[in-house]
Structure formats: C-alpha cells, structure tokens
N, C-alpha and C. Protein backbone atom coordinates (compact mmCIF):
# COMPACT_ATOMS: atom_id res chain seq x y z
N MET A 1 -22.38 24.13 15.42
CA MET A 1 -21.07 23.77 15.95
C MET A 1 -21.19 22.50 16.78
N THR A 2 -20.16 21.73 16.79
CA THR A 2 -20.12 20.48 17.54
C THR A 2 -19.99 20.75 19.03
N ALA A 3 -20.75 20.03 19.82
CA ALA A 3 -20.63 20.16 21.27
C ALA A 3 -19.28 19.60 21.71
N PRO A 4 -18.71 20.10 22.82
CA PRO A 4 -17.39 19.63 23.26
C PRO A 4 -17.31 18.12 23.46
N ASN A 5 -18.41 17.49 23.87
CA ASN A 5 -18.36 16.05 24.09
C ASN A 5 -18.58 15.27 22.79
N GLU A 6 -18.68 15.98 21.67
CA GLU A 6 -18.89 15.32 20.38
C GLU A 6 -17.71 15.54 19.44
N LEU A 7 -16.55 15.88 19.98
CA LEU A 7 -15.38 16.04 19.14
C LEU A 7 -15.00 14.70 18.54
N ARG A 8 -14.53 14.73 17.31
CA ARG A 8 -14.11 13.50 16.65
C ARG A 8 -12.64 13.24 16.93
N LEU A 9 -12.35 12.08 17.46
CA LEU A 9 -10.97 11.65 17.64
C LEU A 9 -10.41 11.31 16.27
N LEU A 10 -9.34 12.00 15.89
CA LEU A 10 -8.76 11.78 14.57
C LEU A 10 -7.82 10.57 14.58
N PRO A 11 -7.60 9.96 13.42
CA PRO A 11 -6.79 8.74 13.36
C PRO A 11 -5.28 8.98 13.37
N TRP A 12 -4.86 10.14 13.77
CA TRP A 12 -3.43 10.43 13.90
C TRP A 12 -3.22 11.17 15.21
N THR A 13 -1.97 11.27 15.61
CA THR A 13 -1.66 11.97 16.86
C THR A 13 -0.86 13.22 16.55
N GLY A 14 -0.79 14.08 17.54
CA GLY A 14 -0.03 15.31 17.42
C GLY A 14 1.31 15.18 18.11
N PRO A 15 1.91 16.33 18.43
CA PRO A 15 3.19 16.30 19.13
C PRO A 15 3.09 15.52 20.44
N ASP A 16 4.16 14.86 20.77
CA ASP A 16 4.24 14.04 21.99
C ASP A 16 3.19 12.94 22.02
N ASP A 17 2.76 12.50 20.84
CA ASP A 17 1.80 11.40 20.70
C ASP A 17 0.46 11.71 21.38
N LYS A 18 0.09 12.99 21.43
CA LYS A 18 -1.19 13.39 22.04
C LYS A 18 -2.30 13.27 21.01
N PRO A 19 -3.51 12.92 21.46
CA PRO A 19 -4.62 12.76 20.52
C PRO A 19 -4.99 14.09 19.86
N CYS A 20 -5.49 13.99 18.63
CA CYS A 20 -5.99 15.14 17.89
C CYS A 20 -7.50 14.99 17.72
N TYR A 21 -8.20 16.08 17.80
CA TYR A 21 -9.66 16.07 17.69
C TYR A 21 -10.11 17.05 16.62
N LEU A 22 -11.26 16.76 16.05
CA LEU A 22 -11.87 17.62 15.04
C LEU A 22 -13.22 18.09 15.56
N SER A 23 -13.44 19.38 15.47
CA SER A 23 -14.71 19.96 15.87
C SER A 23 -15.44 20.43 14.61
N THR A 24 -16.42 19.67 14.18
CA THR A 24 -17.22 20.05 13.02
C THR A 24 -18.54 19.32 13.07
N ASP A 25 -19.53 19.91 12.46
CA ASP A 25 -20.81 19.21 12.32
C ASP A 25 -21.04 18.85 10.87
N ASP A 26 -19.98 18.89 10.06
CA ASP A 26 -20.07 18.58 8.64
C ASP A 26 -19.29 17.30 8.33
N PRO A 27 -19.97 16.14 8.31
CA PRO A 27 -19.27 14.89 8.03
C PRO A 27 -18.75 14.80 6.60
N ALA A 28 -19.17 15.72 5.73
CA ALA A 28 -18.69 15.72 4.34
C ALA A 28 -17.61 16.78 4.12
N GLY A 29 -17.18 17.44 5.19
CA GLY A 29 -16.15 18.47 5.07
C GLY A 29 -14.80 17.87 4.75
N TYR A 30 -13.88 18.73 4.34
CA TYR A 30 -12.55 18.29 3.92
C TYR A 30 -11.84 17.47 5.00
N MET A 31 -11.79 17.97 6.23
CA MET A 31 -11.06 17.27 7.29
C MET A 31 -11.74 15.96 7.67
N SER A 32 -13.07 15.94 7.65
CA SER A 32 -13.79 14.69 7.94
C SER A 32 -13.48 13.64 6.89
N ARG A 33 -13.49 14.05 5.63
CA ARG A 33 -13.18 13.10 4.54
C ARG A 33 -11.73 12.65 4.61
N LEU A 34 -10.82 13.57 4.94
CA LEU A 34 -9.41 13.21 5.09
C LEU A 34 -9.25 12.17 6.20
N ALA A 35 -9.93 12.39 7.32
CA ALA A 35 -9.86 11.44 8.43
C ALA A 35 -10.46 10.09 8.03
N ASP A 36 -11.58 10.11 7.30
CA ASP A 36 -12.19 8.86 6.83
C ASP A 36 -11.22 8.10 5.93
N ASP A 37 -10.57 8.81 5.01
CA ASP A 37 -9.61 8.17 4.10
C ASP A 37 -8.42 7.62 4.87
N PHE A 38 -7.94 8.38 5.83
CA PHE A 38 -6.80 7.96 6.64
C PHE A 38 -7.15 6.69 7.44
N GLU A 39 -8.36 6.66 8.00
CA GLU A 39 -8.81 5.47 8.72
C GLU A 39 -8.85 4.27 7.80
N ALA A 40 -9.36 4.45 6.59
CA ALA A 40 -9.44 3.35 5.63
C ALA A 40 -8.05 2.81 5.30
N VAL A 41 -7.10 3.70 5.13
CA VAL A 41 -5.72 3.27 4.85
C VAL A 41 -5.16 2.50 6.04
N GLN A 42 -5.37 3.02 7.25
CA GLN A 42 -4.87 2.34 8.45
C GLN A 42 -5.47 0.95 8.60
N LEU A 43 -6.78 0.84 8.40
CA LEU A 43 -7.43 -0.47 8.54
C LEU A 43 -6.96 -1.44 7.46
N GLY A 44 -6.80 -0.94 6.25
CA GLY A 44 -6.30 -1.79 5.16
C GLY A 44 -4.89 -2.28 5.42
N ALA A 45 -4.04 -1.38 5.87
CA ALA A 45 -2.65 -1.75 6.17
C ALA A 45 -2.61 -2.75 7.33
N SER A 46 -3.48 -2.58 8.30
CA SER A 46 -3.53 -3.53 9.43
C SER A 46 -3.96 -4.91 8.97
N ALA A 47 -4.92 -4.97 8.07
CA ALA A 47 -5.38 -6.26 7.54
C ALA A 47 -4.26 -6.95 6.77
N GLU A 48 -3.52 -6.19 5.98
CA GLU A 48 -2.39 -6.76 5.23
C GLU A 48 -1.30 -7.25 6.18
N LEU A 49 -1.03 -6.48 7.21
CA LEU A 49 -0.02 -6.87 8.19
C LEU A 49 -0.42 -8.14 8.91
N LEU A 50 -1.70 -8.28 9.20
CA LEU A 50 -2.18 -9.49 9.86
C LEU A 50 -1.92 -10.72 9.00
N GLU A 51 -2.14 -10.60 7.69
CA GLU A 51 -1.85 -11.73 6.79
C GLU A 51 -0.36 -12.05 6.80
N ALA A 52 0.46 -11.03 6.71
CA ALA A 52 1.91 -11.24 6.72
C ALA A 52 2.36 -11.83 8.05
N ALA A 53 1.74 -11.41 9.13
CA ALA A 53 2.11 -11.92 10.46
C ALA A 53 1.84 -13.41 10.54
N SER A 54 0.72 -13.85 10.01
CA SER A 54 0.40 -15.28 10.04
C SER A 54 1.46 -16.09 9.32
N GLU A 55 1.92 -15.59 8.18
CA GLU A 55 2.96 -16.29 7.42
C GLU A 55 4.27 -16.32 8.20
N THR A 56 4.64 -15.19 8.77
CA THR A 56 5.90 -15.12 9.52
C THR A 56 5.87 -16.01 10.74
N LEU A 57 4.76 -16.00 11.46
CA LEU A 57 4.67 -16.81 12.68
C LEU A 57 4.59 -18.30 12.39
N ASP A 58 4.12 -18.66 11.20
CA ASP A 58 4.09 -20.06 10.81
C ASP A 58 5.46 -20.57 10.37
N ASP A 59 6.36 -19.66 10.08
CA ASP A 59 7.71 -20.01 9.63
C ASP A 59 8.61 -20.23 10.85
N HIS A 60 8.88 -21.47 11.15
CA HIS A 60 9.68 -21.81 12.33
C HIS A 60 11.14 -21.39 12.18
N ASP A 61 11.55 -21.08 10.95
CA ASP A 61 12.92 -20.63 10.71
C ASP A 61 13.01 -19.11 10.57
N ALA A 62 11.96 -18.41 10.93
CA ALA A 62 11.96 -16.95 10.80
C ALA A 62 13.05 -16.35 11.68
N ASP A 63 13.69 -15.33 11.14
CA ASP A 63 14.74 -14.63 11.87
C ASP A 63 14.13 -13.95 13.10
N PRO A 64 14.74 -14.09 14.27
CA PRO A 64 14.20 -13.47 15.48
C PRO A 64 14.04 -11.95 15.37
N ASN A 65 14.93 -11.30 14.63
CA ASN A 65 14.79 -9.86 14.44
C ASN A 65 13.55 -9.52 13.62
N ASP A 66 13.23 -10.39 12.64
CA ASP A 66 12.01 -10.18 11.86
C ASP A 66 10.77 -10.35 12.72
N VAL A 67 10.80 -11.32 13.61
CA VAL A 67 9.66 -11.56 14.50
C VAL A 67 9.52 -10.38 15.47
N ARG A 68 10.63 -9.88 15.97
CA ARG A 68 10.58 -8.71 16.87
C ARG A 68 10.02 -7.49 16.15
N ARG A 69 10.49 -7.23 14.93
CA ARG A 69 9.98 -6.12 14.14
C ARG A 69 8.49 -6.29 13.86
N LEU A 70 8.10 -7.52 13.59
CA LEU A 70 6.68 -7.82 13.38
C LEU A 70 5.87 -7.47 14.61
N GLY A 71 6.39 -7.81 15.79
CA GLY A 71 5.69 -7.48 17.03
C GLY A 71 5.48 -5.98 17.18
N HIS A 72 6.51 -5.20 16.86
CA HIS A 72 6.38 -3.74 16.93
C HIS A 72 5.36 -3.23 15.92
N ASP A 73 5.42 -3.78 14.70
CA ASP A 73 4.47 -3.36 13.66
C ASP A 73 3.03 -3.73 14.04
N LEU A 74 2.86 -4.92 14.62
CA LEU A 74 1.52 -5.33 15.05
C LEU A 74 1.00 -4.44 16.17
N ALA A 75 1.87 -4.06 17.08
CA ALA A 75 1.46 -3.16 18.17
C ALA A 75 1.02 -1.81 17.61
N ALA A 76 1.76 -1.29 16.65
CA ALA A 76 1.39 0.00 16.03
C ALA A 76 0.06 -0.13 15.29
N ALA A 77 -0.12 -1.23 14.58
CA ALA A 77 -1.37 -1.44 13.84
C ALA A 77 -2.54 -1.57 14.80
N LEU A 78 -2.35 -2.28 15.89
CA LEU A 78 -3.41 -2.44 16.89
C LEU A 78 -3.75 -1.08 17.51
N ARG A 79 -2.74 -0.27 17.77
CA ARG A 79 -2.98 1.07 18.31
C ARG A 79 -3.85 1.88 17.34
N ASN A 80 -3.56 1.78 16.05
CA ASN A 80 -4.36 2.50 15.05
C ASN A 80 -5.79 1.99 15.00
N VAL A 81 -5.96 0.68 15.03
CA VAL A 81 -7.30 0.09 14.97
C VAL A 81 -8.11 0.47 16.20
N VAL A 82 -7.48 0.48 17.36
CA VAL A 82 -8.19 0.88 18.58
C VAL A 82 -8.61 2.34 18.48
N ARG A 83 -7.74 3.20 17.96
CA ARG A 83 -8.08 4.61 17.82
C ARG A 83 -9.27 4.78 16.87
N VAL A 84 -9.27 4.05 15.74
CA VAL A 84 -10.39 4.13 14.80
C VAL A 84 -11.67 3.63 15.45
N ALA A 85 -11.60 2.51 16.16
CA ALA A 85 -12.79 1.96 16.82
C ALA A 85 -13.31 2.91 17.89
N THR A 86 -12.42 3.51 18.64
CA THR A 86 -12.83 4.47 19.67
C THR A 86 -13.52 5.67 19.05
N SER A 87 -12.93 6.19 17.99
CA SER A 87 -13.50 7.34 17.31
C SER A 87 -14.89 7.02 16.75
N ARG A 88 -14.99 5.88 16.08
CA ARG A 88 -16.29 5.50 15.50
C ARG A 88 -17.31 5.21 16.59
N GLY A 89 -16.88 4.61 17.67
CA GLY A 89 -17.79 4.34 18.78
C GLY A 89 -18.33 5.61 19.39
N HIS A 90 -17.46 6.61 19.56
CA HIS A 90 -17.91 7.89 20.10
C HIS A 90 -18.91 8.55 19.16
N ARG A 91 -18.64 8.48 17.86
CA ARG A 91 -19.56 9.10 16.89
C ARG A 91 -20.90 8.39 16.87
N LEU A 92 -20.90 7.08 17.02
CA LEU A 92 -22.17 6.35 17.09
C LEU A 92 -22.94 6.74 18.34
N GLY A 93 -22.23 6.83 19.45
CA GLY A 93 -22.87 7.20 20.71
C GLY A 93 -23.41 8.61 20.71
N ALA A 94 -22.75 9.50 19.96
CA ALA A 94 -23.20 10.90 19.92
C ALA A 94 -24.42 11.07 19.04
N SER A 95 -24.59 10.19 18.05
CA SER A 95 -25.68 10.37 17.11
C SER A 95 -26.91 9.56 17.45
N GLU A 96 -26.75 8.55 18.27
CA GLU A 96 -27.88 7.69 18.62
C GLU A 96 -28.05 7.64 20.13
N PRO A 97 -29.29 7.84 20.61
CA PRO A 97 -29.50 7.71 22.05
C PRO A 97 -29.28 6.28 22.51
N ARG A 98 -28.71 6.11 23.69
CA ARG A 98 -28.48 4.77 24.23
C ARG A 98 -29.79 4.20 24.75
N ARG A 99 -30.01 2.95 24.44
CA ARG A 99 -31.20 2.25 24.95
C ARG A 99 -30.78 1.25 26.00
N ILE A 100 -31.51 1.23 27.06
CA ILE A 100 -31.19 0.29 28.15
C ILE A 100 -32.25 -0.77 28.25
C-alpha cells in the first residue's frame, strides 16, 4: 500500500475544486493509466493553446473578447500544467532519495 505521503495528485479536481489523490503502488493499474492519459491530453491541449495564443496576440485587430477568453483559457491550461508538474515532482521525490 502507498504511504500517506506518497499519494498521487490526480490531474483533475473533485467537488468545490478540491484536489483528488490516488493511493496505489501499482503504476500500471487502471486509475494510474487513466491519470497518465488524462495528463497527456491536458499537456497536449495546453501546447496547442499556446500556439493559438501566439497567433491571437500577434493579431493587433483581435477582438478584445477573444483576447479575454484566451486569457481565461491560458489560466486554466497553466493550472493543469502546474498540477501535472506538481504530481510528477512528488512522484519523483517519493521514488528517489534526495541528494544534497
């Protein structure tokens, strides 16, 4: 069983936007693979949004509402990327001893 400090932060949130965690020592289990796939989708969508953002921001005639919506979408994508990075960082830290 996974130790309490080794819970995996999942790439989605629960009710009231609270974090969800997975307790398993099986990285090939169904929920672990689902989380891996979900992370891959989030990172891919964030990369695509970043490309679209560059085009929109380069367009000096872009509609202000489109730019505002882009800002909201970028914030959501950044939130997802930070959650994935945090989760992966915790898993790296749990599996490898820190060297000083």
